[in-house]
Amino acid sequence: MGETGIAVVGFGNAGRQHVAAIGALDGLRLAAVVETDPAAARRAVEAGLPVRPLPQVLADPAVAALAVCLPPGHRPPVLADAVAAGKHLVVEKLPARSPAELRGILDSAADASLFSTVMFQHRFALPGELRAKAPERFADAVANLIISRPRNAAHYREGWRAEPEAAVGGVSVHLGAHYLDLACQLLGEPVEMTPLSRTDAAAGIDTELLGHVTFRSGARLTVTVTCRAAARFEQLTVLGHQDWAEVRAGATTGELDGRPVTAPARPAAELRQDVYRELAGALRGGPAPDLSLLSRSTGVVALLDGLLNTPVGTTRAASPC
């Protein structure tokens, strides 16, 4: 069986990471980079990569899937065109600006019998025994999430990052989303969100966000995401009635049914390869994607939609997806 062709749309930081993941796996081939920004396209050419226009890529039967790595607000027309052309999807996080937008992507891909996956690679770092029985295992748990990823506020005042329609948000969306997604994988679907404090670099672009989330399972999560502290710190702690788990800097520790659970941190590059490994296997007739499924993102999209679009101090029910 020949190599499976994947095209990457967008050659910014995320796009370059996707290109590296595709290139690291046997059986996958980078069919094209699609990039309309001249400087970014030139960087791709200088790296020896094939740069092609989107219509040509969509018409190419040798391209099985598109990895869409554009800013969130720039993706919808590309995703729609990809589905219309029969291409499977890999969507960079955050995959949608709202639950309604996510539902539209999921439904259109399903109606076309296409796989839709997402680059929430940290899901693959969770031990299987921890994912088992979640969220029932952590019903009524208390949980705490702290993400600190230092960035100058000016970082969020430049280009598309300063545009709420394109970026959706700031540090919470682009650096906090991975661990917020992990929280949803363990605790389930959120039902209520309360933003408690927020600092913005530009209108609608947060540099610090504190909030509280209640889940259908009964679990409660406190959230702190900031780029204003000097330390880099990533931690999710979940305390159930009997079981507990903590993910810190990619490493997992915990206790389930009285037994210790541990998993070392893995390089993010390896985890990204896992996303593509699932898709590649499915395209060759193996099991359908599981951990990388876009449909597993309903929780984190609803959570961020609620925290970012609700006045501070106000509780809002999650929008349906």
Protein backbone atom coordinates (compact mmCIF):
# COMPACT_ATOMS: atom_id res chain seq x y z
CA MET A 1 0.00 0.00 0.00
CA GLY A 2 1.36 3.43 -0.95
CA GLU A 3 1.87 6.42 1.26
CA THR A 4 -1.14 8.45 2.41
CA GLY A 5 -1.01 12.06 1.28
CA ILE A 6 -1.69 14.80 3.83
CA ALA A 7 -1.78 18.52 3.02
CA VAL A 8 -1.11 21.13 5.71
CA VAL A 9 -3.00 24.41 5.39
CA GLY A 10 -1.09 27.16 7.17
CA PHE A 11 2.65 27.20 7.81
CA GLY A 12 2.88 29.09 11.09
CA ASN A 13 4.10 27.54 14.33
CA ALA A 14 1.33 24.94 14.42
CA GLY A 15 1.62 24.10 10.74
CA ARG A 16 5.34 23.46 11.06
CA GLN A 17 4.64 21.08 13.96
CA HIS A 18 2.14 19.16 11.83
CA VAL A 19 4.65 18.93 8.98
CA ALA A 20 7.22 17.48 11.38
CA ALA A 21 4.76 14.90 12.72
CA ILE A 22 3.77 13.76 9.23
CA GLY A 23 7.40 13.51 8.15
CA ALA A 24 8.30 11.35 11.14
CA LEU A 25 5.85 8.54 10.31
CA ASP A 26 6.21 5.75 7.78
CA GLY A 27 3.26 5.50 5.43
CA LEU A 28 2.45 9.21 5.44
CA ARG A 29 3.53 11.76 2.86
CA LEU A 30 3.37 15.53 3.00
CA ALA A 31 1.48 16.19 -0.22
CA ALA A 32 1.54 19.97 0.05
CA VAL A 33 1.73 23.05 2.17
CA VAL A 34 -1.00 25.59 1.44
CA GLU A 35 -0.03 29.11 2.46
CA THR A 36 -1.24 32.46 1.14
CA ASP A 37 1.15 34.60 3.19
CA PRO A 38 4.17 35.22 0.94
CA ALA A 39 6.74 35.19 3.75
CA ALA A 40 5.43 31.94 5.23
CA ALA A 41 5.18 30.34 1.78
CA ARG A 42 8.77 31.33 1.10
CA ARG A 43 9.89 29.67 4.35
CA ALA A 44 8.16 26.47 3.26
CA VAL A 45 9.85 26.55 -0.14
CA GLU A 46 13.23 27.21 1.49
CA ALA A 47 12.62 24.17 3.69
CA GLY A 48 12.21 22.06 0.54
CA LEU A 49 8.45 21.60 0.94
CA PRO A 50 5.92 21.54 -1.92
CA VAL A 51 3.69 24.65 -1.81
CA ARG A 52 0.45 24.39 -3.78
CA PRO A 53 -2.78 26.41 -4.00
CA LEU A 54 -5.80 25.11 -2.11
CA PRO A 55 -8.01 24.41 -5.17
CA GLN A 56 -5.29 22.23 -6.66
CA VAL A 57 -4.90 20.32 -3.40
CA LEU A 58 -8.64 19.80 -3.01
CA ALA A 59 -8.85 18.41 -6.55
CA ASP A 60 -5.97 15.97 -6.01
CA PRO A 61 -7.24 12.42 -5.33
CA ALA A 62 -3.85 11.55 -3.83
CA VAL A 63 -4.53 13.93 -0.92
CA ALA A 64 -6.54 11.99 1.64
CA ALA A 65 -6.70 14.54 4.44
CA LEU A 66 -6.20 18.20 5.23
CA ALA A 67 -4.56 19.44 8.41
CA VAL A 68 -6.08 22.88 8.92
CA CYS A 69 -3.69 25.01 10.97
CA LEU A 70 -5.08 28.47 10.30
CA PRO A 71 -6.27 30.78 13.12
CA PRO A 72 -9.65 29.54 14.41
CA GLY A 73 -11.65 32.30 12.76
CA HIS A 74 -10.04 31.70 9.37
CA ARG A 75 -10.79 27.97 9.22
CA PRO A 76 -14.54 27.57 8.52
CA PRO A 77 -14.48 28.08 4.72
CA VAL A 78 -11.43 25.84 4.34
CA LEU A 79 -13.02 23.11 6.44
CA ALA A 80 -16.23 23.35 4.42
CA ASP A 81 -14.33 23.12 1.13
CA ALA A 82 -12.29 20.17 2.44
CA VAL A 83 -15.39 18.21 3.39
CA ALA A 84 -17.04 19.03 0.06
CA ALA A 85 -13.93 17.64 -1.67
CA GLY A 86 -14.06 14.42 0.37
CA LYS A 87 -10.98 15.08 2.50
CA HIS A 88 -10.61 13.79 6.05
CA LEU A 89 -9.80 16.41 8.67
CA VAL A 90 -7.12 17.15 11.24
CA VAL A 91 -8.02 20.42 12.96
CA GLU A 92 -5.55 22.38 15.06
CA LYS A 93 -6.75 23.44 18.52
CA LEU A 94 -8.94 25.28 19.38
CA PRO A 95 -11.05 23.51 16.75
CA ALA A 96 -14.04 25.87 16.79
CA ARG A 97 -15.11 29.27 18.06
CA SER A 98 -18.39 28.03 19.54
CA PRO A 99 -20.28 24.81 20.24
CA ALA A 100 -22.59 25.56 17.30
CA GLU A 101 -19.64 25.92 14.93
CA LEU A 102 -18.14 22.67 16.21
CA ARG A 103 -21.45 20.85 15.71
CA GLY A 104 -21.54 22.07 12.12
CA ILE A 105 -18.07 20.67 11.42
CA LEU A 106 -18.90 17.34 13.07
CA ASP A 107 -22.19 16.94 11.25
CA SER A 108 -20.83 17.84 7.82
CA ALA A 109 -17.91 15.42 8.18
CA ALA A 110 -20.18 12.64 9.44
CA ASP A 111 -22.68 13.18 6.62
CA ALA A 112 -19.80 12.76 4.15
CA SER A 113 -18.48 9.64 5.96
CA LEU A 114 -15.19 11.41 6.72
CA PHE A 115 -12.97 11.17 9.78
CA SER A 116 -12.66 14.39 11.76
CA THR A 117 -9.78 14.57 14.25
CA VAL A 118 -8.14 17.28 16.34
CA MET A 119 -4.63 18.12 17.51
CA PHE A 120 -5.25 17.72 21.23
CA GLN A 121 -2.22 15.47 21.47
CA HIS A 122 -1.96 15.50 25.27
CA ARG A 123 -4.88 13.07 25.43
CA PHE A 124 -2.38 10.39 24.42
CA ALA A 125 -0.31 11.08 27.54
CA LEU A 126 -3.09 9.93 29.88
CA PRO A 127 -2.70 6.30 31.03
CA GLY A 128 -5.43 4.04 29.73
CA GLU A 129 -6.52 2.99 33.21
CA LEU A 130 -7.08 6.65 34.08
CA ARG A 131 -9.28 7.21 31.04
CA ALA A 132 -11.30 4.08 31.84
CA LYS A 133 -14.58 4.85 33.61
CA ALA A 134 -14.03 8.59 33.34
CA PRO A 135 -16.03 10.71 34.09
CA GLU A 136 -18.00 8.32 36.32
CA ARG A 137 -14.83 7.61 38.29
CA PHE A 138 -14.55 11.28 39.23
CA ALA A 139 -18.20 12.11 39.84
CA ASP A 140 -18.44 14.91 42.44
CA ALA A 141 -14.64 15.35 42.37
CA VAL A 142 -12.94 18.64 43.12
CA ALA A 143 -10.25 19.65 40.65
CA ASN A 144 -7.80 22.46 40.11
CA LEU A 145 -6.03 23.57 36.93
CA ILE A 146 -3.13 26.01 36.81
CA ILE A 147 -1.40 26.97 33.57
CA SER A 148 1.37 29.56 33.48
CA ARG A 149 3.05 30.16 30.13
CA PRO A 150 5.02 33.43 30.16
CA ARG A 151 4.38 35.76 27.25
CA ASN A 152 4.73 39.51 26.89
CA ALA A 153 1.33 41.17 26.53
CA ALA A 154 2.56 42.63 23.23
CA HIS A 155 2.48 39.07 21.85
CA TYR A 156 -1.32 39.29 21.94
CA ARG A 157 -1.48 42.75 20.36
CA GLU A 158 0.03 41.75 17.03
CA GLY A 159 -1.54 40.38 13.86
CA TRP A 160 -4.38 37.89 14.04
CA ARG A 161 -3.70 37.20 17.73
CA ALA A 162 -5.17 40.63 18.53
CA GLU A 163 -8.39 39.95 16.59
CA PRO A 164 -11.09 38.21 18.66
CA GLU A 165 -12.91 36.90 15.58
CA ALA A 166 -9.74 35.22 14.35
CA ALA A 167 -8.09 34.21 17.61
CA VAL A 168 -11.20 33.54 19.79
CA GLY A 169 -9.16 34.49 22.88
CA GLY A 170 -5.63 34.81 24.17
CA VAL A 171 -3.66 32.67 26.60
CA SER A 172 -6.65 30.53 27.63
CA VAL A 173 -7.33 29.42 24.05
CA HIS A 174 -3.82 29.10 22.69
CA LEU A 175 -1.86 27.87 25.71
CA GLY A 176 -4.46 26.69 28.23
CA ALA A 177 -6.66 24.66 25.92
CA HIS A 178 -4.66 21.42 26.09
CA TYR A 179 -5.01 20.97 29.85
CA LEU A 180 -8.58 22.28 29.81
CA ASP A 181 -9.28 19.53 27.29
CA LEU A 182 -7.65 16.98 29.62
CA ALA A 183 -9.95 18.17 32.40
CA CYS A 184 -12.95 17.52 30.16
CA GLN A 185 -11.65 14.06 29.20
CA LEU A 186 -11.56 13.14 32.91
CA LEU A 187 -14.53 15.08 34.28
CA GLY A 188 -16.96 15.02 31.36
CA GLU A 189 -19.14 17.71 29.83
CA PRO A 190 -19.33 21.12 31.53
CA VAL A 191 -22.76 22.47 32.43
CA GLU A 192 -21.99 25.82 34.08
CA MET A 193 -19.09 28.28 33.85
CA THR A 194 -18.33 31.31 36.01
CA PRO A 195 -15.46 33.63 35.06
CA LEU A 196 -14.06 35.09 38.30
CA SER A 197 -11.33 37.42 37.05
CA ARG A 198 -9.89 38.42 33.70
CA THR A 199 -7.11 40.60 32.30
CA ASP A 200 -6.92 41.42 28.58
CA ALA A 201 -4.06 42.59 26.36
CA ALA A 202 -6.57 43.78 23.76
CA ALA A 203 -10.34 43.71 23.59
CA GLY A 204 -11.41 40.07 23.83
CA ILE A 205 -7.84 38.74 24.08
CA ASP A 206 -7.05 37.48 27.58
CA THR A 207 -3.63 37.32 29.22
CA GLU A 208 -5.06 35.94 32.47
CA LEU A 209 -8.31 34.12 33.20
CA LEU A 210 -9.63 32.69 36.45
CA GLY A 211 -12.87 30.78 36.62
CA HIS A 212 -15.01 28.00 38.02
CA VAL A 213 -16.62 25.16 36.07
CA THR A 214 -19.28 22.65 37.11
CA PHE A 215 -19.63 19.38 35.17
CA ARG A 216 -22.60 17.13 34.52
CA SER A 217 -20.80 14.47 36.57
CA GLY A 218 -21.00 16.77 39.60
CA ALA A 219 -17.28 17.51 39.48
CA ARG A 220 -16.10 21.08 40.06
CA LEU A 221 -12.99 22.67 38.57
CA THR A 222 -11.18 25.89 39.43
CA VAL A 223 -9.23 27.37 36.52
CA THR A 224 -6.21 29.68 36.45
CA VAL A 225 -4.54 30.40 33.11
CA THR A 226 -1.98 33.19 32.86
CA CYS A 227 0.91 34.44 30.79
CA ARG A 228 1.74 37.20 33.29
CA ALA A 229 3.89 35.09 35.66
CA ALA A 230 7.55 34.33 34.99
CA ALA A 231 7.28 30.61 35.76
CA ARG A 232 6.22 27.96 33.27
CA PHE A 233 3.82 25.66 35.09
CA GLU A 234 1.16 23.18 33.92
CA GLN A 235 -0.85 21.17 36.42
CA LEU A 236 -4.25 19.50 36.61
CA THR A 237 -5.19 17.89 39.93
CA VAL A 238 -8.37 15.82 40.31
CA LEU A 239 -9.47 14.58 43.75
CA GLY A 240 -12.32 12.08 43.78
CA HIS A 241 -13.91 10.41 46.79
CA GLN A 242 -11.41 7.54 46.55
CA ASP A 243 -9.33 7.98 43.42
CA TRP A 244 -7.09 10.89 42.50
CA ALA A 245 -4.89 11.94 39.62
CA GLU A 246 -2.47 14.71 38.79
CA VAL A 247 -0.98 15.68 35.44
CA ARG A 248 1.99 17.98 35.92
CA ALA A 249 4.31 19.07 33.11
CA GLY A 250 3.07 16.09 31.10
CA ALA A 251 3.74 13.43 33.76
CA THR A 252 0.84 11.63 35.45
CA THR A 253 0.62 10.34 39.00
CA GLY A 254 -2.38 9.10 40.93
CA GLU A 255 -4.16 6.29 42.70
CA LEU A 256 -7.00 4.25 41.24
CA ASP A 257 -8.78 1.52 43.18
CA GLY A 258 -5.99 1.65 45.76
CA ARG A 259 -3.24 1.11 43.18
CA PRO A 260 -0.66 3.69 42.15
CA VAL A 261 -0.76 4.98 38.58
CA THR A 262 2.17 6.71 36.95
CA ALA A 263 3.18 7.72 33.45
CA PRO A 264 6.25 9.73 32.49
CA ALA A 265 6.06 12.88 30.41
CA ARG A 266 6.49 12.34 26.69
CA PRO A 267 7.77 14.87 24.16
CA ALA A 268 4.99 16.86 22.52
CA ALA A 269 6.41 15.92 19.11
CA GLU A 270 5.81 12.22 19.85
CA LEU A 271 2.26 12.91 21.01
CA ARG A 272 1.50 14.78 17.79
CA GLN A 273 2.69 11.74 15.87
CA ASP A 274 0.16 9.66 17.83
CA VAL A 275 -2.65 11.81 16.43
CA TYR A 276 -1.50 11.11 12.89
CA ARG A 277 -0.81 7.45 13.68
CA GLU A 278 -4.47 6.97 14.63
CA LEU A 279 -5.67 8.64 11.45
CA ALA A 280 -3.21 6.78 9.23
CA GLY A 281 -4.29 3.45 10.67
CA ALA A 282 -7.95 4.24 10.07
CA LEU A 283 -7.28 5.31 6.48
CA ARG A 284 -5.62 1.94 5.88
CA GLY A 285 -8.72 0.10 7.07
CA GLY A 286 -7.83 -0.21 10.75
CA PRO A 287 -9.87 0.97 13.74
CA ALA A 288 -11.46 4.39 13.50
CA PRO A 289 -9.73 7.22 15.36
CA ASP A 290 -10.49 7.29 19.08
CA LEU A 291 -8.51 9.64 21.30
CA SER A 292 -7.99 12.12 18.48
CA LEU A 293 -11.67 12.35 17.59
CA LEU A 294 -12.92 15.88 17.08
CA SER A 295 -16.18 14.87 18.76
CA ARG A 296 -14.28 14.54 22.05
CA SER A 297 -13.75 18.33 21.93
CA THR A 298 -17.32 19.36 22.72
CA GLY A 299 -16.43 19.87 26.39
CA VAL A 300 -13.44 22.16 25.99
CA VAL A 301 -15.13 24.25 23.29
CA ALA A 302 -18.20 24.76 25.51
CA LEU A 303 -16.01 25.48 28.54
CA LEU A 304 -13.98 28.19 26.83
CA ASP A 305 -17.06 29.62 25.14
CA GLY A 306 -18.65 30.04 28.56
CA LEU A 307 -15.64 31.46 30.38
CA LEU A 308 -14.71 33.90 27.60
CA ASN A 309 -18.18 35.15 26.68
CA THR A 310 -19.75 35.61 30.12
CA PRO A 311 -19.37 38.73 32.28
CA VAL A 312 -17.02 38.28 35.24
CA GLY A 313 -18.91 37.11 38.31
CA THR A 314 -21.84 35.74 36.29
CA THR A 315 -22.69 32.05 35.96
CA ARG A 316 -23.78 30.80 32.56
CA ALA A 317 -25.10 27.46 31.39
CA ALA A 318 -23.07 25.72 28.71
CA SER A 319 -24.31 26.19 25.17
CA PRO A 320 -25.43 22.92 23.57
CA CYS A 321 -23.29 21.22 20.98
